[in-house]
Amino acid sequence: MDTSLALPNEGMFDRIGLTESPFPVTPDARHYFCSQRLESHVLELMHCIHIRKGFLLFTADVGLGKSTLSRYLINNLEVHNTDVSLILNTFLQGVELLKAINEDFGLKVEGGVKEQLDGLNDFLLEQYSQERNCLIIIDDAQNLSTESLEMIRLISNFEVSTHKLVQILLIAQPEIMLTINLPQIRQLKSRIALHIELAPFTEKEVQDYVYFRLNCAGNYENIELTKKAVKCLHKLSNGYPRRINLIMDRVLYALLIDASHRVNDKLIVLANNDIEQTQRMIHLDKGVRQNRKLNAYAASFIAVIGLSILFWHYGSKDWIKNVILNNVMVTESYASAPLTNNKVDEDSTNNTTKLNELPGLVSIESQPVKKIEQPKNTELLTFLDHYGLEGSLTEIDLALQEQDWHLMEKLITQQGWSLLVNDKPFIEPPRKVLRVAGHNQKYWLMLWKPKLSFEKYYFGLKSKQVAVLQRLLKKEGFFNKIEDGIVGSQTMFAVAKFQRFIDVEPTGKADSLTLYFLTKDNSALAMLL
């Protein structure tokens, strides 16, 4: 029985300023965290796949994010020139493994090993003739037998002239090396062009990872961890993302009850203790099969006790969100009683009061509602007036108070502008800049009409805009390869180097902020376009 204290309803997240669960227990490749270290690994993998290196190996311990990496790679490689076959069930061996590879490529081949290999070879030759690349990803490859690994080596022999017809990426736990080092498959070991071993997060990467996940889920209330909390989280998780997710999931449950946004080291310890208690009960449940029902009740009881400890240690406090807009303080008091047209629903308030009067009950909805008159946001009005958008003050003001950049960008894009959000000041005297500050976090906003932009940007994209991007990067000294107009590993490396140069997150993607800094002082851009 799963006794996780995972949040039961994502609709409840708005109480702590989140739009979804930031720490899921399943792989989430939509919001893939790329530390500087991991980013270099990913780019190196994509580079080797792009130039058809053949055999690649990626090893990492359980809980470090191997499966998430495979899905992230697929999302970036499933474009017009790359076909991917992903094998998750590595308990399949021999001909069954070959059939699974072919089926994931969309092939229906009957027969044994020879027929399966012949069918795969014909498919790869056809794809090569159409200038398409093919990749086989085998997750949990440590489960493969020596015979299956030898068969995978045979697949890697499929080639024409100097090019491999198929690239093979084995994603496995470190113990696969015990098998690969066996004398009978030494030929396979010699074929490995790249071996990357993923290490756990450092303390700094743990902090970056947590805030990245929170920000992907909105984090409108600026949930923050103290320095001691980060240090404690790194120690208790050993830098393993899966363990971080489990601990932070418990922590969010406590914040949900308290409607708070500050995480200290004591709360991290309590959440970790609850996980260990739950896991001990699950282990006990497996060892005593005849008492399944009894153990299920016991595990549920521990979950309730853990939640109670979190609540009584963490207390119940007012939940206040402060947003400073260019020295103008806008304060909102959040309570759980529903609001209709800025007025409190009296029936709901009365019901909450009655609940609180009952002995032994602690109501989450116990905070009084305070109506606070908000000052007119003159700074925002001046900012929008500079760009001719003063007519959209009300909608943009609401989005800005919630720091909903997606909504704000949508409103601004509709009127021909692009929104730039940076955590460092823009030095742009001709343009109006707006400073937005929340709790221990500041942003600078500026509007811009882009000279170069991409509707889509992915590995393998070929377009005139990409060629212009490469020329601009070459002019700045970040790109020294042939301008082929294709987003490949070299282009992404160059973009990432430029991003480090301007001190923004090195994602390798040509986002609006990166393109702004790359094109703002380039007078020859019109000629390139």
Protein backbone atom coordinates (compact mmCIF):
# COMPACT_ATOMS: atom_id res chain seq x y z
CA MET A 1 0.00 0.00 0.00
CA ASP A 2 1.31 3.42 -0.94
CA THR A 3 1.05 5.65 2.10
CA SER A 4 2.70 8.69 0.52
CA LEU A 5 1.49 12.03 1.75
CA ALA A 6 1.35 13.29 -1.83
CA LEU A 7 -0.99 16.20 -2.32
CA PRO A 8 -4.39 14.74 -3.12
CA ASN A 9 -5.77 17.45 -5.35
CA GLU A 10 -3.75 19.70 -7.63
CA GLY A 11 -6.54 22.28 -7.40
CA MET A 12 -5.44 22.87 -3.80
CA PHE A 13 -1.97 24.03 -4.87
CA ASP A 14 -3.13 27.61 -5.46
CA ARG A 15 -3.27 28.00 -1.68
CA ILE A 16 0.53 28.02 -1.67
CA GLY A 17 0.92 29.67 -5.07
CA LEU A 18 1.48 26.57 -7.23
CA THR A 19 -0.39 25.47 -10.34
CA GLU A 20 0.65 21.79 -10.23
CA SER A 21 2.75 19.28 -8.33
CA PRO A 22 6.40 20.42 -8.59
CA PHE A 23 7.86 17.13 -7.35
CA PRO A 24 6.19 14.19 -9.13
CA VAL A 25 7.15 10.59 -8.41
CA THR A 26 7.13 9.73 -12.13
CA PRO A 27 9.65 11.02 -14.73
CA ASP A 28 8.77 14.53 -15.89
CA ALA A 29 10.65 15.39 -19.08
CA ARG A 30 8.51 18.49 -19.71
CA HIS A 31 10.43 20.41 -17.06
CA TYR A 32 13.86 18.82 -17.21
CA PHE A 33 16.41 20.38 -14.88
CA CYS A 34 19.77 20.80 -16.59
CA SER A 35 22.55 21.82 -14.24
CA GLN A 36 25.69 23.11 -15.91
CA ARG A 37 27.26 19.69 -15.40
CA LEU A 38 24.28 17.77 -16.73
CA GLU A 39 23.87 20.22 -19.60
CA SER A 40 27.36 19.41 -20.86
CA HIS A 41 26.54 15.67 -20.66
CA VAL A 42 23.29 16.10 -22.59
CA LEU A 43 24.90 18.23 -25.29
CA GLU A 44 27.73 15.72 -25.63
CA LEU A 45 25.23 12.88 -26.02
CA MET A 46 23.23 14.78 -28.61
CA HIS A 47 26.42 15.66 -30.46
CA CYS A 48 27.49 11.99 -30.62
CA ILE A 49 24.04 10.97 -31.83
CA HIS A 50 24.01 13.72 -34.43
CA ILE A 51 27.39 12.79 -35.92
CA ARG A 52 26.56 9.05 -35.74
CA LYS A 53 29.14 7.85 -33.23
CA GLY A 54 27.37 4.51 -32.83
CA PHE A 55 27.57 3.02 -29.33
CA LEU A 56 26.95 5.21 -26.24
CA LEU A 57 26.66 4.35 -22.54
CA PHE A 58 25.06 6.42 -19.77
CA THR A 59 25.28 5.04 -16.22
CA ALA A 60 23.73 6.37 -13.01
CA ASP A 61 22.59 4.98 -9.69
CA VAL A 62 18.92 4.35 -8.87
CA GLY A 63 17.07 7.61 -8.29
CA LEU A 64 19.43 9.91 -10.20
CA GLY A 65 17.08 10.46 -13.15
CA LYS A 66 18.08 7.98 -15.88
CA SER A 67 14.53 7.41 -17.14
CA THR A 68 13.80 11.15 -17.15
CA LEU A 69 16.91 11.70 -19.25
CA SER A 70 15.77 9.16 -21.86
CA ARG A 71 12.41 10.90 -22.22
CA TYR A 72 14.08 14.31 -22.41
CA LEU A 73 16.34 13.09 -25.22
CA ILE A 74 13.37 11.69 -27.11
CA ASN A 75 11.52 15.00 -26.83
CA ASN A 76 14.52 16.77 -28.35
CA LEU A 77 15.34 14.17 -31.01
CA GLU A 78 11.90 13.19 -32.30
CA VAL A 79 12.10 15.69 -35.13
CA HIS A 80 12.17 15.41 -38.89
CA ASN A 81 15.54 13.63 -39.13
CA THR A 82 15.62 11.26 -36.13
CA ASP A 83 13.59 8.13 -35.37
CA VAL A 84 13.78 6.72 -31.84
CA SER A 85 13.06 3.24 -30.50
CA LEU A 86 12.77 3.21 -26.69
CA ILE A 87 12.98 -0.13 -24.88
CA LEU A 88 11.85 -0.08 -21.25
CA ASN A 89 11.29 -3.80 -20.63
CA THR A 90 14.83 -5.17 -20.61
CA PHE A 91 13.73 -8.49 -19.13
CA LEU A 92 13.04 -9.32 -22.75
CA GLN A 93 16.02 -11.23 -24.14
CA GLY A 94 17.19 -12.56 -27.48
CA VAL A 95 14.72 -12.51 -30.33
CA GLU A 96 12.00 -10.96 -28.12
CA LEU A 97 14.24 -7.93 -27.54
CA LEU A 98 14.81 -7.62 -31.30
CA LYS A 99 11.06 -7.78 -31.93
CA ALA A 100 10.48 -5.03 -29.35
CA ILE A 101 13.06 -2.78 -31.05
CA ASN A 102 11.49 -3.35 -34.47
CA GLU A 103 7.95 -2.82 -33.18
CA ASP A 104 8.92 0.50 -31.57
CA PHE A 105 10.30 1.59 -34.96
CA GLY A 106 6.88 0.64 -36.39
CA LEU A 107 8.10 -2.56 -38.09
CA LYS A 108 6.19 -5.85 -38.23
CA VAL A 109 8.71 -8.60 -38.85
CA GLU A 110 7.94 -12.32 -38.51
CA GLY A 111 10.57 -14.97 -37.80
CA GLY A 112 13.63 -15.53 -35.66
CA VAL A 113 16.85 -13.62 -35.03
CA LYS A 114 18.02 -13.60 -38.67
CA GLU A 115 14.69 -12.34 -39.99
CA GLN A 116 14.48 -9.66 -37.29
CA LEU A 117 18.03 -8.42 -38.00
CA ASP A 118 17.43 -8.41 -41.77
CA GLY A 119 14.19 -6.47 -41.37
CA LEU A 120 15.89 -3.92 -39.11
CA ASN A 121 18.83 -3.54 -41.50
CA ASP A 122 16.48 -2.91 -44.46
CA PHE A 123 14.62 -0.28 -42.45
CA LEU A 124 17.84 1.49 -41.41
CA LEU A 125 19.12 1.55 -45.01
CA GLU A 126 15.84 3.09 -46.15
CA GLN A 127 15.98 5.75 -43.44
CA TYR A 128 19.61 6.54 -44.31
CA SER A 129 18.68 7.00 -47.98
CA GLN A 130 16.16 9.62 -46.81
CA GLU A 131 18.85 11.36 -44.70
CA ARG A 132 17.22 10.29 -41.46
CA ASN A 133 19.08 9.18 -38.35
CA CYS A 134 17.95 6.32 -36.09
CA LEU A 135 18.50 5.84 -32.37
CA ILE A 136 17.82 2.87 -30.09
CA ILE A 137 17.57 3.74 -26.38
CA ILE A 138 17.59 0.79 -23.97
CA ASP A 139 16.68 1.82 -20.43
CA ASP A 140 17.70 -0.33 -17.43
CA ALA A 141 20.22 -2.06 -19.70
CA GLN A 142 21.92 -3.68 -16.69
CA ASN A 143 19.21 -6.37 -16.95
CA LEU A 144 20.44 -7.53 -20.38
CA SER A 145 22.19 -10.89 -20.55
CA THR A 146 25.61 -11.27 -22.17
CA GLU A 147 23.90 -12.90 -25.17
CA SER A 148 21.55 -9.94 -25.60
CA LEU A 149 24.40 -7.45 -25.28
CA GLU A 150 26.32 -9.35 -27.94
CA MET A 151 23.26 -9.16 -30.19
CA ILE A 152 23.07 -5.40 -29.59
CA ARG A 153 26.72 -5.23 -30.69
CA LEU A 154 25.76 -6.95 -33.95
CA ILE A 155 23.15 -4.26 -34.56
CA SER A 156 25.86 -1.62 -34.09
CA ASN A 157 27.71 -3.20 -37.03
CA PHE A 158 25.06 -1.94 -39.43
CA GLU A 159 26.86 0.80 -41.35
CA VAL A 160 27.61 2.30 -44.76
CA SER A 161 31.03 3.67 -45.70
CA THR A 162 32.04 5.73 -42.63
CA HIS A 163 28.57 6.20 -41.12
CA LYS A 164 26.69 4.10 -38.60
CA LEU A 165 23.12 3.35 -39.68
CA VAL A 166 21.87 3.29 -36.09
CA GLN A 167 23.00 4.86 -32.83
CA ILE A 168 22.59 2.82 -29.64
CA LEU A 169 22.34 4.40 -26.20
CA LEU A 170 22.43 2.10 -23.17
CA ILE A 171 21.07 3.74 -20.00
CA ALA A 172 21.93 1.60 -17.01
CA GLN A 173 22.87 1.29 -13.37
CA PRO A 174 26.65 1.16 -12.71
CA GLU A 175 26.62 -2.63 -12.21
CA ILE A 176 26.35 -3.04 -15.99
CA MET A 177 30.13 -2.55 -16.01
CA LEU A 178 30.50 -5.95 -14.32
CA THR A 179 28.96 -7.50 -17.41
CA ILE A 180 30.67 -5.27 -19.97
CA ASN A 181 34.07 -6.08 -18.46
CA LEU A 182 33.58 -9.81 -19.04
CA PRO A 183 36.11 -11.22 -21.55
CA GLN A 184 33.43 -12.77 -23.80
CA ILE A 185 31.96 -9.37 -24.73
CA ARG A 186 35.16 -7.33 -24.86
CA GLN A 187 34.32 -6.41 -28.46
CA LEU A 188 31.25 -4.56 -27.25
CA LYS A 189 33.31 -2.59 -24.71
CA SER A 190 35.71 -1.49 -27.46
CA ARG A 191 32.76 -0.11 -29.47
CA ILE A 192 31.60 2.32 -26.79
CA ALA A 193 32.38 5.78 -28.19
CA LEU A 194 31.19 7.68 -25.10
CA HIS A 195 30.59 6.66 -21.49
CA ILE A 196 29.00 9.22 -19.18
CA GLU A 197 28.56 8.47 -15.48
CA LEU A 198 26.07 10.73 -13.73
CA ALA A 199 26.92 11.89 -10.21
CA PRO A 200 24.46 13.06 -7.50
CA PHE A 201 23.63 16.76 -7.17
CA THR A 202 25.96 19.02 -5.27
CA GLU A 203 24.46 21.24 -2.54
CA LYS A 204 24.25 24.15 -4.99
CA GLU A 205 22.58 21.92 -7.59
CA VAL A 206 20.05 20.74 -5.00
CA GLN A 207 19.10 24.35 -4.34
CA ASP A 208 18.88 25.15 -8.06
CA TYR A 209 16.85 22.00 -8.71
CA VAL A 210 14.27 22.74 -6.00
CA TYR A 211 13.74 26.34 -7.13
CA PHE A 212 13.61 25.24 -10.78
CA ARG A 213 10.87 22.73 -10.02
CA LEU A 214 8.95 25.24 -7.88
CA ASN A 215 9.18 27.94 -10.55
CA CYS A 216 7.96 25.50 -13.23
CA ALA A 217 4.87 25.02 -11.09
CA GLY A 218 4.26 28.76 -10.76
CA ASN A 219 5.63 29.53 -7.30
CA TYR A 220 3.58 32.73 -7.20
CA GLU A 221 4.02 32.93 -3.44
CA ASN A 222 7.82 32.63 -3.63
CA ILE A 223 8.24 29.50 -1.52
CA GLU A 224 11.79 29.61 -0.22
CA LEU A 225 14.22 27.36 1.63
CA THR A 226 16.58 28.65 4.28
CA LYS A 227 20.30 27.93 3.85
CA LYS A 228 20.12 25.34 6.62
CA ALA A 229 17.15 23.72 4.88
CA VAL A 230 19.10 23.37 1.63
CA LYS A 231 22.09 21.93 3.47
CA CYS A 232 19.86 19.49 5.35
CA LEU A 233 18.00 18.47 2.18
CA HIS A 234 21.30 17.76 0.41
CA LYS A 235 22.53 15.66 3.31
CA LEU A 236 19.35 13.61 3.75
CA SER A 237 18.80 13.05 0.02
CA ASN A 238 22.49 12.48 -0.82
CA GLY A 239 21.81 14.65 -3.88
CA TYR A 240 19.43 12.09 -5.44
CA PRO A 241 16.53 13.79 -7.31
CA ARG A 242 14.06 11.00 -6.49
CA ARG A 243 14.69 11.37 -2.75
CA ILE A 244 14.52 15.17 -3.04
CA ASN A 245 11.11 14.83 -4.69
CA LEU A 246 9.82 12.56 -1.91
CA ILE A 247 11.00 14.89 0.86
CA MET A 248 9.78 18.07 -0.80
CA ASP A 249 6.41 16.47 -1.52
CA ARG A 250 5.92 16.00 2.25
CA VAL A 251 7.14 19.52 2.88
CA LEU A 252 4.56 20.97 0.49
CA TYR A 253 1.83 19.12 2.36
CA ALA A 254 2.84 20.93 5.54
CA LEU A 255 2.92 24.27 3.71
CA LEU A 256 -0.51 23.55 2.29
CA ILE A 257 -1.95 23.04 5.77
CA ASP A 258 -0.21 26.12 7.13
CA ALA A 259 -0.59 28.27 4.00
CA SER A 260 3.02 29.31 4.53
CA HIS A 261 5.94 29.71 2.14
CA ARG A 262 9.08 29.32 4.26
CA VAL A 263 10.87 25.97 4.62
CA ASN A 264 13.42 25.46 7.41
CA ASP A 265 15.71 22.55 8.27
CA LYS A 266 13.39 21.22 11.00
CA LEU A 267 10.60 20.74 8.49
CA ILE A 268 12.98 18.91 6.13
CA VAL A 269 13.97 16.52 8.95
CA LEU A 270 10.34 15.87 9.91
CA ALA A 271 9.40 15.13 6.29
CA ASN A 272 12.35 12.76 5.89
CA ASN A 273 11.44 10.94 9.13
CA ASP A 274 7.90 10.45 7.86
CA ILE A 275 9.23 8.87 4.65
CA GLU A 276 11.43 6.47 6.59
CA GLN A 277 8.54 5.47 8.86
CA THR A 278 6.34 4.82 5.83
CA GLN A 279 9.03 2.77 4.09
CA ARG A 280 9.57 0.67 7.22
CA MET A 281 5.88 -0.13 7.31
CA ILE A 282 5.85 -1.05 3.62
CA HIS A 283 8.82 -3.35 4.22
CA LEU A 284 6.98 -4.93 7.15
CA ASP A 285 3.91 -5.37 4.96
CA LYS A 286 5.93 -7.35 2.43
CA GLY A 287 7.43 -9.57 5.15
CA VAL A 288 4.13 -10.48 6.79
CA ARG A 289 1.77 -11.29 3.93
CA GLN A 290 -0.89 -12.83 6.14
CA ASN A 291 -1.41 -9.51 7.95
CA ARG A 292 -1.89 -7.30 4.86
CA LYS A 293 -4.98 -5.58 6.16
CA LEU A 294 -3.52 -4.89 9.59
CA ASN A 295 -0.33 -3.45 8.10
CA ALA A 296 -2.30 -1.25 5.72
CA TYR A 297 -4.13 0.31 8.68
CA ALA A 298 -0.83 0.74 10.54
CA ALA A 299 0.82 2.45 7.56
CA SER A 300 -2.15 4.79 7.17
CA PHE A 301 -1.96 5.59 10.89
CA ILE A 302 1.74 6.49 10.57
CA ALA A 303 0.92 8.78 7.65
CA VAL A 304 -1.69 10.58 9.77
CA ILE A 305 0.72 10.83 12.74
CA GLY A 306 3.44 12.21 10.41
CA LEU A 307 1.02 14.81 9.07
CA SER A 308 -0.03 15.77 12.60
CA ILE A 309 3.62 16.19 13.67
CA LEU A 310 4.28 18.40 10.67
CA PHE A 311 1.26 20.53 11.49
CA TRP A 312 1.91 20.94 15.23
CA HIS A 313 5.61 21.71 14.66
CA TYR A 314 4.96 24.11 11.87
CA GLY A 315 1.97 25.92 13.31
CA SER A 316 -0.67 27.99 11.62
CA LYS A 317 0.23 31.48 10.53
CA ASP A 318 -1.13 34.26 8.39
CA TRP A 319 -0.36 33.93 4.73
CA ILE A 320 0.72 37.25 3.24
CA LYS A 321 2.10 37.92 -0.19
CA ASN A 322 4.09 41.12 -0.78
CA VAL A 323 4.84 42.38 -4.25
CA ILE A 324 6.88 45.56 -4.70
CA LEU A 325 6.45 47.34 -8.00
CA ASN A 326 9.12 50.00 -8.33
CA ASN A 327 8.91 50.97 -4.64
CA VAL A 328 5.10 50.70 -4.61
CA MET A 329 4.00 48.07 -2.07
CA VAL A 330 0.94 46.04 -3.05
CA THR A 331 -0.20 43.75 -0.20
CA GLU A 332 -2.82 41.00 -0.44
CA SER A 333 -4.17 38.96 2.45
CA TYR A 334 -5.07 35.42 1.45
CA ALA A 335 -7.68 33.45 3.35
CA SER A 336 -9.63 30.39 2.46
CA ALA A 337 -13.14 31.86 2.72
CA PRO A 338 -14.43 32.30 -0.86
CA LEU A 339 -14.58 35.80 -2.31
CA THR A 340 -17.27 37.04 -4.63
CA ASN A 341 -16.83 40.44 -6.27
CA ASN A 342 -14.16 41.29 -3.65
CA LYS A 343 -16.59 40.59 -0.80
CA VAL A 344 -16.53 37.75 1.68
CA ASP A 345 -19.10 34.99 1.27
CA GLU A 346 -20.87 35.33 4.64
CA ASP A 347 -22.30 31.78 4.67
CA SER A 348 -18.86 30.32 4.06
CA THR A 349 -17.35 32.42 6.85
CA ASN A 350 -20.06 31.36 9.28
CA ASN A 351 -19.57 27.71 8.39
CA THR A 352 -15.84 28.01 8.99
CA THR A 353 -16.49 29.58 12.40
CA LYS A 354 -18.81 26.77 13.39
CA LEU A 355 -16.23 24.18 12.39
CA ASN A 356 -13.59 25.91 14.47
CA GLU A 357 -15.84 25.82 17.52
CA LEU A 358 -16.04 22.03 17.44
CA PRO A 359 -13.61 20.45 19.96
CA GLY A 360 -10.72 18.42 18.57
CA LEU A 361 -11.01 19.78 15.03
CA VAL A 362 -8.40 21.94 13.36
CA SER A 363 -9.74 23.72 10.30
CA ILE A 364 -7.40 24.70 7.49
CA GLU A 365 -9.82 27.47 6.64
CA SER A 366 -9.32 29.37 9.86
CA GLN A 367 -7.70 32.62 8.79
CA PRO A 368 -9.73 35.85 8.94
CA VAL A 369 -10.26 37.72 5.70
CA LYS A 370 -8.94 41.25 5.61
CA LYS A 371 -9.92 43.57 2.87
CA ILE A 372 -6.97 45.78 1.98
CA GLU A 373 -7.29 48.71 -0.35
CA GLN A 374 -4.58 48.50 -2.96
CA PRO A 375 -2.86 51.68 -4.13
CA LYS A 376 -3.10 52.52 -7.78
CA ASN A 377 -0.10 51.11 -9.59
CA THR A 378 1.25 54.31 -11.09
CA GLU A 379 4.65 52.79 -11.85
CA LEU A 380 3.09 50.11 -14.04
CA LEU A 381 0.89 52.71 -15.73
CA THR A 382 3.96 54.82 -16.58
CA PHE A 383 5.75 51.72 -17.86
CA LEU A 384 2.87 50.66 -20.12
CA ASP A 385 2.29 54.23 -21.31
CA HIS A 386 5.90 54.29 -22.56
CA TYR A 387 5.06 51.38 -24.88
CA GLY A 388 1.57 52.55 -25.76
CA LEU A 389 -0.16 49.80 -23.77
CA GLU A 390 -1.84 51.85 -21.04
CA GLY A 391 -5.24 50.54 -22.18
CA SER A 392 -4.29 47.08 -20.91
CA LEU A 393 -3.41 48.25 -17.39
CA THR A 394 -6.06 46.23 -15.52
CA GLU A 395 -5.32 42.83 -17.12
CA ILE A 396 -1.53 43.26 -17.04
CA ASP A 397 -1.62 44.54 -13.45
CA LEU A 398 -3.45 41.39 -12.36
CA ALA A 399 -0.98 39.12 -14.18
CA LEU A 400 1.94 41.06 -12.72
CA GLN A 401 0.67 40.81 -9.15
CA GLU A 402 0.51 37.02 -9.59
CA GLN A 403 3.84 37.03 -11.47
CA ASP A 404 2.13 35.01 -14.18
CA TRP A 405 4.67 35.66 -16.92
CA HIS A 406 2.86 33.37 -19.36
CA LEU A 407 -0.38 35.35 -19.14
CA MET A 408 1.45 38.66 -19.15
CA GLU A 409 3.46 37.67 -22.23
CA LYS A 410 0.27 36.58 -23.97
CA LEU A 411 -1.39 39.94 -23.30
CA ILE A 412 1.68 41.83 -24.50
CA THR A 413 2.32 39.63 -27.56
CA GLN A 414 -1.21 40.30 -28.78
CA GLN A 415 -0.15 43.92 -29.22
CA GLY A 416 3.07 43.22 -31.13
CA TRP A 417 5.59 43.29 -28.29
CA SER A 418 7.73 40.61 -26.67
CA LEU A 419 8.18 40.41 -22.89
CA LEU A 420 11.70 40.14 -21.49
CA VAL A 421 12.07 39.00 -17.87
CA ASN A 422 15.54 39.03 -16.33
CA ASP A 423 16.83 38.61 -12.78
CA LYS A 424 19.43 41.32 -13.48
CA PRO A 425 18.83 44.99 -14.44
CA PHE A 426 18.62 45.97 -18.09
CA ILE A 427 20.94 48.86 -18.99
CA GLU A 428 18.70 50.48 -21.57
CA PRO A 429 18.24 54.26 -21.15
CA PRO A 430 16.07 54.64 -24.28
CA ARG A 431 13.58 52.06 -23.01
CA LYS A 432 11.44 52.00 -19.91
CA VAL A 433 12.27 49.20 -17.45
CA LEU A 434 10.02 47.98 -14.63
CA ARG A 435 11.39 46.46 -11.44
CA VAL A 436 9.26 43.75 -9.83
CA ALA A 437 10.23 42.32 -6.47
CA GLY A 438 8.73 39.57 -4.36
CA HIS A 439 10.13 37.95 -1.22
CA ASN A 440 13.94 37.81 -1.65
CA GLN A 441 13.51 37.83 -5.43
CA LYS A 442 13.75 40.64 -7.96
CA TYR A 443 13.00 40.80 -11.67
CA TRP A 444 13.39 43.47 -14.31
CA LEU A 445 10.86 43.68 -17.12
CA MET A 446 11.26 45.30 -20.50
CA LEU A 447 9.30 45.14 -23.78
CA TRP A 448 10.96 44.51 -27.12
CA LYS A 449 10.01 44.03 -30.75
CA PRO A 450 12.17 41.06 -31.78
CA LYS A 451 14.30 41.28 -34.89
CA LEU A 452 14.94 37.53 -34.88
CA SER A 453 12.61 34.93 -33.36
CA PHE A 454 11.69 31.24 -33.54
CA GLU A 455 8.17 29.82 -33.37
CA LYS A 456 9.81 26.46 -32.61
CA TYR A 457 13.37 25.63 -31.63
CA TYR A 458 14.53 22.03 -31.37
CA PHE A 459 17.47 19.77 -32.14
CA GLY A 460 17.50 19.11 -35.91
CA LEU A 461 15.51 22.23 -36.93
CA LYS A 462 16.66 23.59 -40.30
CA SER A 463 15.68 27.12 -41.30
CA LYS A 464 16.93 30.48 -42.54
CA GLN A 465 16.58 31.88 -39.02
CA VAL A 466 18.99 29.22 -37.70
CA ALA A 467 21.54 30.24 -40.35
CA VAL A 468 21.20 33.88 -39.21
CA LEU A 469 21.65 32.75 -35.60
CA GLN A 470 24.85 30.91 -36.54
CA ARG A 471 26.23 34.00 -38.34
CA LEU A 472 25.51 36.20 -35.35
CA LEU A 473 27.18 33.70 -33.00
CA LYS A 474 30.17 33.48 -35.35
CA LYS A 475 30.47 37.26 -35.45
CA GLU A 476 30.57 37.31 -31.65
CA GLY A 477 33.22 34.57 -31.60
CA PHE A 478 31.07 31.74 -30.20
CA PHE A 479 30.59 29.62 -33.34
CA ASN A 480 33.39 28.48 -35.64
CA LYS A 481 31.72 25.72 -37.66
CA ILE A 482 30.12 25.66 -41.11
CA GLU A 483 26.85 27.62 -41.25
CA ASP A 484 24.45 24.85 -42.25
CA GLY A 485 21.26 26.41 -40.84
CA ILE A 486 20.62 23.35 -38.64
CA VAL A 487 20.21 23.29 -34.86
CA GLY A 488 22.81 20.66 -34.03
CA SER A 489 25.05 20.05 -31.05
CA GLN A 490 27.60 22.67 -32.19
CA THR A 491 24.91 25.35 -32.48
CA MET A 492 23.53 24.48 -29.05
CA PHE A 493 27.05 24.52 -27.58
CA ALA A 494 27.59 27.98 -29.09
CA VAL A 495 24.28 29.32 -27.75
CA ALA A 496 25.07 27.90 -24.29
CA LYS A 497 28.52 29.56 -24.30
CA PHE A 498 26.94 32.90 -25.25
CA GLN A 499 24.36 32.49 -22.48
CA ARG A 500 27.12 31.96 -19.93
CA PHE A 501 28.82 35.05 -21.30
CA ILE A 502 25.72 37.19 -20.68
CA ASP A 503 25.15 35.42 -17.33
CA VAL A 504 21.82 33.70 -18.01
CA GLU A 505 20.92 30.03 -17.66
CA PRO A 506 22.93 28.06 -20.30
CA THR A 507 20.10 26.01 -21.84
CA GLY A 508 21.45 26.01 -25.40
CA LYS A 509 18.04 27.24 -26.60
CA ALA A 510 17.55 30.51 -28.46
CA ASP A 511 14.91 32.04 -26.16
CA SER A 512 13.73 35.66 -26.30
CA LEU A 513 16.18 36.93 -23.67
CA THR A 514 19.16 35.30 -25.42
CA LEU A 515 18.12 36.65 -28.83
CA TYR A 516 17.65 40.12 -27.39
CA PHE A 517 21.21 40.33 -26.08
CA LEU A 518 22.54 38.76 -29.27
CA THR A 519 20.77 41.16 -31.64
CA LYS A 520 20.25 44.43 -29.76
CA ASP A 521 23.53 46.06 -30.87
CA ASN A 522 23.86 44.37 -34.26
CA SER A 523 23.36 46.96 -36.99
CA ALA A 524 24.03 44.39 -39.75
CA LEU A 525 21.15 42.14 -38.69
CA ALA A 526 18.77 43.60 -41.29
CA MET A 527 21.17 42.55 -44.04
CA LEU A 528 21.48 39.04 -42.60
CA LEU A 529 17.71 38.65 -42.44
